[in-house]
C-alpha atoms as a PDB file:
ATOM      1  CA  UNK A   1      10.498 -72.359 -31.572  1.00  0.00           C
ATOM      2  CA  UNK A   2      14.192 -71.381 -31.023  1.00  0.00           C
ATOM      3  CA  UNK A   3      17.038 -73.560 -29.648  1.00  0.00           C
ATOM      4  CA  UNK A   4      18.961 -71.690 -27.107  1.00  0.00           C
ATOM      5  CA  UNK A   5      22.161 -74.145 -27.221  1.00  0.00           C
ATOM      6  CA  UNK A   6      21.612 -76.122 -24.083  1.00  0.00           C
ATOM      7  CA  UNK A   7      18.788 -78.117 -24.869  1.00  0.00           C
ATOM      8  CA  UNK A   8      16.291 -75.586 -23.736  1.00  0.00           C
ATOM      9  CA  UNK A   9      13.952 -74.258 -26.266  1.00  0.00           C
ATOM     10  CA  UNK A  10      11.831 -70.983 -26.092  1.00  0.00           C
ATOM     11  CA  UNK A  11       9.000 -69.831 -27.813  1.00  0.00           C
ATOM     12  CA  UNK A  12       9.286 -66.552 -29.526  1.00  0.00           C
ATOM     13  CA  UNK A  13       6.416 -64.179 -29.339  1.00  0.00           C
ATOM     14  CA  UNK A  14       6.218 -60.833 -31.318  1.00  0.00           C
ATOM     15  CA  UNK A  15       5.782 -58.122 -29.295  1.00  0.00           C
ATOM     16  CA  UNK A  16       3.111 -55.773 -30.737  1.00  0.00           C
ATOM     17  CA  UNK A  17       2.395 -52.629 -28.492  1.00  0.00           C
ATOM     18  CA  UNK A  18      -0.692 -51.805 -30.105  1.00  0.00           C
ATOM     19  CA  UNK A  19      -2.281 -55.039 -29.968  1.00  0.00           C
ATOM     20  CA  UNK A  20      -1.307 -55.203 -26.357  1.00  0.00           C
ATOM     21  CA  UNK A  21      -2.709 -51.840 -25.557  1.00  0.00           C
ATOM     22  CA  UNK A  22      -6.254 -53.029 -27.505  1.00  0.00           C
ATOM     23  CA  UNK A  23      -6.519 -56.093 -25.296  1.00  0.00           C
ATOM     24  CA  UNK A  24      -6.027 -54.075 -22.060  1.00  0.00           C
ATOM     25  CA  UNK A  25      -8.979 -52.411 -20.207  1.00  0.00           C
ATOM     26  CA  UNK A  26      -9.252 -48.599 -20.371  1.00  0.00           C
ATOM     27  CA  UNK A  27      -6.996 -46.950 -17.801  1.00  0.00           C
ATOM     28  CA  UNK A  28      -4.506 -49.479 -17.017  1.00  0.00           C
ATOM     29  CA  UNK A  29      -0.997 -48.882 -17.758  1.00  0.00           C
ATOM     30  CA  UNK A  30       0.837 -51.442 -19.643  1.00  0.00           C
ATOM     31  CA  UNK A  31       3.839 -51.243 -17.348  1.00  0.00           C
ATOM     32  CA  UNK A  32       1.811 -51.853 -14.358  1.00  0.00           C
ATOM     33  CA  UNK A  33      -0.355 -49.792 -12.287  1.00  0.00           C
ATOM     34  CA  UNK A  34      -3.210 -47.280 -13.085  1.00  0.00           C
ATOM     35  CA  UNK A  35      -2.897 -44.629 -15.525  1.00  0.00           C
ATOM     36  CA  UNK A  36      -3.909 -41.055 -14.423  1.00  0.00           C
ATOM     37  CA  UNK A  37      -6.544 -39.283 -16.660  1.00  0.00           C
ATOM     38  CA  UNK A  38      -5.084 -36.353 -18.766  1.00  0.00           C
ATOM     39  CA  UNK A  39      -5.909 -32.976 -17.329  1.00  0.00           C
ATOM     40  CA  UNK A  40      -5.925 -29.638 -19.089  1.00  0.00           C
ATOM     41  CA  UNK A  41      -3.617 -26.726 -18.464  1.00  0.00           C
ATOM     42  CA  UNK A  42      -6.753 -24.717 -17.311  1.00  0.00           C
ATOM     43  CA  UNK A  43      -7.358 -27.765 -14.631  1.00  0.00           C
ATOM     44  CA  UNK A  44      -3.741 -27.972 -13.673  1.00  0.00           C
ATOM     45  CA  UNK A  45      -3.722 -24.214 -13.122  1.00  0.00           C
ATOM     46  CA  UNK A  46      -6.757 -24.173 -11.108  1.00  0.00           C
ATOM     47  CA  UNK A  47      -5.516 -27.276  -8.863  1.00  0.00           C
ATOM     48  CA  UNK A  48      -2.063 -25.544  -8.361  1.00  0.00           C
ATOM     49  CA  UNK A  49      -3.447 -22.327  -6.922  1.00  0.00           C
ATOM     50  CA  UNK A  50      -3.707 -21.760  -3.152  1.00  0.00           C
ATOM     51  CA  UNK A  51      -7.807 -21.417  -2.515  1.00  0.00           C
ATOM     52  CA  UNK A  52      -9.081 -19.156   0.256  1.00  0.00           C
ATOM     53  CA  UNK A  53     -11.274 -21.185   2.547  1.00  0.00           C
ATOM     54  CA  UNK A  54     -13.309 -17.871   3.754  1.00  0.00           C
ATOM     55  CA  UNK A  55     -16.246 -16.791   1.814  1.00  0.00           C
ATOM     56  CA  UNK A  56     -15.751 -14.278  -0.966  1.00  0.00           C
ATOM     57  CA  UNK A  57     -15.782 -10.387  -0.015  1.00  0.00           C
ATOM     58  CA  UNK A  58     -18.483  -8.165  -1.515  1.00  0.00           C
ATOM     59  CA  UNK A  59     -17.003  -5.586  -3.405  1.00  0.00           C
ATOM     60  CA  UNK A  60     -17.909  -1.787  -2.391  1.00  0.00           C
ATOM     61  CA  UNK A  61     -17.874   0.507  -5.062  1.00  0.00           C
ATOM     62  CA  UNK A  62     -17.017   4.148  -4.047  1.00  0.00           C
ATOM     63  CA  UNK A  63     -18.004   6.727  -6.457  1.00  0.00           C
ATOM     64  CA  UNK A  64     -16.207  10.209  -6.243  1.00  0.00           C
ATOM     65  CA  UNK A  65     -18.897  12.557  -6.141  1.00  0.00           C
ATOM     66  CA  UNK A  66     -16.356  15.451  -7.437  1.00  0.00           C
ATOM     67  CA  UNK A  67     -15.769  13.610 -10.756  1.00  0.00           C
ATOM     68  CA  UNK A  68     -17.860  12.705 -13.779  1.00  0.00           C
ATOM     69  CA  UNK A  69     -18.277   8.820 -14.784  1.00  0.00           C
ATOM     70  CA  UNK A  70     -15.130   9.477 -17.172  1.00  0.00           C
ATOM     71  CA  UNK A  71     -12.969  10.835 -14.148  1.00  0.00           C
ATOM     72  CA  UNK A  72     -12.995  14.285 -15.152  1.00  0.00           C
ATOM     73  CA  UNK A  73     -13.312  17.011 -12.299  1.00  0.00           C
ATOM     74  CA  UNK A  74     -16.935  18.247 -12.227  1.00  0.00           C
ATOM     75  CA  UNK A  75     -17.493  22.036 -12.640  1.00  0.00           C
ATOM     76  CA  UNK A  76     -18.068  23.748  -9.264  1.00  0.00           C
ATOM     77  CA  UNK A  77     -21.908  24.062  -8.709  1.00  0.00           C
ATOM     78  CA  UNK A  78     -23.447  27.706  -8.471  1.00  0.00           C
ATOM     79  CA  UNK A  79     -23.763  27.587  -4.751  1.00  0.00           C
ATOM     80  CA  UNK A  80     -20.005  26.459  -3.994  1.00  0.00           C
ATOM     81  CA  UNK A  81     -18.818  29.499  -6.478  1.00  0.00           C
ATOM     82  CA  UNK A  82     -21.129  31.558  -4.395  1.00  0.00           C
ATOM     83  CA  UNK A  83     -19.748  30.471  -1.185  1.00  0.00           C
ATOM     84  CA  UNK A  84     -16.056  31.000  -2.455  1.00  0.00           C
ATOM     85  CA  UNK A  85     -17.144  34.557  -3.774  1.00  0.00           C
ATOM     86  CA  UNK A  86     -18.629  35.578  -0.417  1.00  0.00           C
ATOM     87  CA  UNK A  87     -15.129  34.489   1.455  1.00  0.00           C
ATOM     88  CA  UNK A  88     -13.354  36.557  -1.088  1.00  0.00           C
ATOM     89  CA  UNK A  89     -11.645  33.206  -2.546  1.00  0.00           C
ATOM     90  CA  UNK A  90     -10.198  32.179   0.912  1.00  0.00           C
ATOM     91  CA  UNK A  91     -10.859  29.378   3.117  1.00  0.00           C
ATOM     92  CA  UNK A  92     -12.976  29.970   5.903  1.00  0.00           C
ATOM     93  CA  UNK A  93     -11.500  29.130   9.499  1.00  0.00           C
ATOM     94  CA  UNK A  94     -13.766  28.356  12.321  1.00  0.00           C
ATOM     95  CA  UNK A  95     -12.762  28.186  16.138  1.00  0.00           C
ATOM     96  CA  UNK A  96     -12.026  24.765  16.940  1.00  0.00           C
ATOM     97  CA  UNK A  97     -11.483  23.371  13.415  1.00  0.00           C
ATOM     98  CA  UNK A  98      -7.909  22.153  14.109  1.00  0.00           C
ATOM     99  CA  UNK A  99      -6.227  20.571  17.154  1.00  0.00           C
ATOM    100  CA  UNK A 100      -4.462  23.265  19.516  1.00  0.00           C
ATOM    101  CA  UNK A 101      -0.751  22.975  19.860  1.00  0.00           C
ATOM    102  CA  UNK A 102       1.286  25.213  22.426  1.00  0.00           C
ATOM    103  CA  UNK A 103       3.568  27.413  20.266  1.00  0.00           C
ATOM    104  CA  UNK A 104       1.730  27.259  16.818  1.00  0.00           C
ATOM    105  CA  UNK A 105      -0.604  29.212  15.232  1.00  0.00           C
ATOM    106  CA  UNK A 106      -3.149  28.609  12.572  1.00  0.00           C
ATOM    107  CA  UNK A 107      -2.896  31.504   9.898  1.00  0.00           C
ATOM    108  CA  UNK A 108      -4.162  32.162   6.382  1.00  0.00           C
ATOM    109  CA  UNK A 109      -1.373  32.608   3.777  1.00  0.00           C
ATOM    110  CA  UNK A 110      -1.469  34.365   0.779  1.00  0.00           C
ATOM    111  CA  UNK A 111      -4.237  32.664  -1.535  1.00  0.00           C
ATOM    112  CA  UNK A 112      -6.375  31.524   1.429  1.00  0.00           C
ATOM    113  CA  UNK A 113      -4.432  28.648   2.208  1.00  0.00           C
ATOM    114  CA  UNK A 114      -4.415  27.667   6.067  1.00  0.00           C
ATOM    115  CA  UNK A 115      -1.356  26.816   7.497  1.00  0.00           C
ATOM    116  CA  UNK A 116       0.073  25.973  10.998  1.00  0.00           C
ATOM    117  CA  UNK A 117       2.790  28.452  11.946  1.00  0.00           C
ATOM    118  CA  UNK A 118       5.496  27.331  14.591  1.00  0.00           C
ATOM    119  CA  UNK A 119       6.096  30.730  16.342  1.00  0.00           C
ATOM    120  CA  UNK A 120       9.576  29.941  17.482  1.00  0.00           C
ATOM    121  CA  UNK A 121      11.024  29.028  14.145  1.00  0.00           C
ATOM    122  CA  UNK A 122       8.575  30.464  11.567  1.00  0.00           C
ATOM    123  CA  UNK A 123       8.288  26.907   9.791  1.00  0.00           C
ATOM    124  CA  UNK A 124       4.963  26.162   8.240  1.00  0.00           C
ATOM    125  CA  UNK A 125       2.853  22.903   8.339  1.00  0.00           C
ATOM    126  CA  UNK A 126      -0.132  21.593   6.971  1.00  0.00           C
ATOM    127  CA  UNK A 127      -2.885  22.275   9.644  1.00  0.00           C
ATOM    128  CA  UNK A 128      -4.115  18.889   9.952  1.00  0.00           C
ATOM    129  CA  UNK A 129      -0.572  17.388  10.363  1.00  0.00           C
ATOM    130  CA  UNK A 130       0.125  17.826  13.977  1.00  0.00           C
ATOM    131  CA  UNK A 131       2.508  15.260  14.335  1.00  0.00           C
ATOM    132  CA  UNK A 132       4.804  16.864  12.200  1.00  0.00           C
ATOM    133  CA  UNK A 133       4.454  20.131  13.952  1.00  0.00           C
ATOM    134  CA  UNK A 134       5.029  18.268  17.234  1.00  0.00           C
ATOM    135  CA  UNK A 135       8.071  16.759  15.977  1.00  0.00           C
ATOM    136  CA  UNK A 136       9.708  19.779  14.630  1.00  0.00           C
ATOM    137  CA  UNK A 137       8.849  21.469  18.118  1.00  0.00           C
ATOM    138  CA  UNK A 138      10.666  18.565  20.059  1.00  0.00           C
ATOM    139  CA  UNK A 139      13.529  19.068  17.682  1.00  0.00           C
ATOM    140  CA  UNK A 140      13.645  22.781  18.554  1.00  0.00           C
ATOM    141  CA  UNK A 141      13.527  21.945  22.227  1.00  0.00           C
ATOM    142  CA  UNK A 142      16.495  19.320  22.054  1.00  0.00           C
ATOM    143  CA  UNK A 143      18.609  22.093  20.157  1.00  0.00           C
ATOM    144  CA  UNK A 144      17.853  24.764  22.770  1.00  0.00           C
ATOM    145  CA  UNK A 145      18.799  22.254  25.595  1.00  0.00           C
ATOM    146  CA  UNK A 146      22.155  21.671  23.919  1.00  0.00           C
ATOM    147  CA  UNK A 147      22.924  25.462  23.352  1.00  0.00           C
ATOM    148  CA  UNK A 148      21.780  25.906  27.221  1.00  0.00           C
ATOM    149  CA  UNK A 149      24.308  23.215  28.068  1.00  0.00           C
ATOM    150  CA  UNK A 150      27.054  24.602  25.809  1.00  0.00           C
ATOM    151  CA  UNK A 151      26.540  27.999  27.305  1.00  0.00           C
ATOM    152  CA  UNK A 152      26.755  26.704  30.745  1.00  0.00           C
ATOM    153  CA  UNK A 153      29.907  24.687  30.065  1.00  0.00           C
ATOM    154  CA  UNK A 154      31.789  27.832  28.865  1.00  0.00           C
ATOM    155  CA  UNK A 155      30.243  30.147  31.518  1.00  0.00           C
ATOM    156  CA  UNK A 156      28.119  32.297  29.536  1.00  0.00           C
ATOM    157  CA  UNK A 157      24.781  33.663  30.017  1.00  0.00           C
ATOM    158  CA  UNK A 158      21.862  31.389  28.835  1.00  0.00           C
ATOM    159  CA  UNK A 159      20.742  32.407  25.734  1.00  0.00           C
ATOM    160  CA  UNK A 160      16.879  32.598  24.937  1.00  0.00           C
ATOM    161  CA  UNK A 161      15.011  31.176  22.127  1.00  0.00           C
ATOM    162  CA  UNK A 162      14.958  34.565  19.988  1.00  0.00           C
ATOM    163  CA  UNK A 163      18.970  35.003  20.735  1.00  0.00           C
ATOM    164  CA  UNK A 164      19.792  31.266  19.952  1.00  0.00           C
ATOM    165  CA  UNK A 165      19.290  31.698  16.252  1.00  0.00           C
ATOM    166  CA  UNK A 166      16.201  29.447  16.170  1.00  0.00           C
ATOM    167  CA  UNK A 167      13.634  32.186  15.371  1.00  0.00           C
END
């Protein structure tokens, strides 16, 4: 017992945290409340990541038939080389193969590569990219309209497409 000076006495108890924890049931925090169980880093990461609520999608493996298992290009088959020799090494064009655009023509360049040529300017495009050719032709039409407007303002005669320097 310890005398506090005012006539009161207090009992001093040795505070031993190890003994206190040993007497408490497992999972109880000595300060109060319930202690949460320890989670590993893998569990924490798994619970922190957002999860998809949909079923997982099936993976579709696409095999490139022109390449080997290791990604190298395969040698052309005998039938493919025969077809190229028959064509003289050039690409075969068929009617209706590419979309028709007024003011353009599909031609074979040197080496047998098909190109779309804009007749007004002579610019070449890949035959499948019709949007680029149409955009170029719209730009040429806009330039032509501006040149015609300038010629009218000056009182000159209206130039044709070939005289305007666009060809």
